[in-house]
Structure formats: structure tokens, C-alpha cells
Amino acid sequence: MEITNYRVFIKETYSDLMTKFNLNIVEKNNYIMELKNSNTVIEFFTEYRVDNKIGIVLTNKGLKKYIDVLSIPSLNGASDPFSFMSNEENTKANSFNDPIKEFIYISFLILKQNESFLK
């Protein structure tokens, strides 16, 4: 599945963070897309051989960190990486009926609650 098929969804979902942190969309190829500024890169990638799989990685030059975004709740001590989500957020994530959209949305919620990783 090509990540470029999700460009509009990423832009709509991440619009608040894109504005706040001056993140721009950069399409590397059909399978890699980034939201980036001078300090931070959020990379979304899929593989052409594997449907319904997505990787979302954050690189922050200031913190010198390279982190799988979905692991951030665990780094903060959560035993259940999805326990931070409200019932409404969980319902919305499940309503997409598309695992890639679901993980894009969940990664947005994680980064919104952990904005220090973006600074």
C-alpha cells in the first residue's frame, strides 16, 4: 500500500501539529512521507510488499532521538500503550476500518500528548 494514498488523511489529522511546529509534508517516494521542520522529522512509511502495515518514526535532532511513535506511551511507563486514549478517541480510531488510518490517528494522539518530543 502506498503511503501517498494517505497524504490528505495525514495532512488533515496532523494539521494542528503541522501549524504549531511548522511541519511541512515531504514525499520521498510512494512509500515514504515525512512531516518535517529544521529540528524534527515524523516519517510515515509502508512497504510495497506488505498491505496494512505502517511504520511511524520520530527523529528529533535536538533530543538526538529516533523513536517509534507508537512506543512513546511505553517509554512513559504505560503498561498498555493505548490506555491513554479516551473512549471517544478509541471509538474514532476503530471507526476508520483501515489499520493504516487507525495508526496514523493514534500516532497523532500520542504526539499531541507528548509535544516535548517535537521541540
Foldseek 3Di string as FASTA:
>chain_A
DFCVVCVVVLCVLCVVVCVVLVWDWDDPDRFWIWTDDPFKIWIWGDDPVDPQDIWTWMAGNVVRDIGGLLCVCVVVPDPDSCPVDDPVLVVVLVVVVGNSSSVSNVSSVSCVVVVVSVD
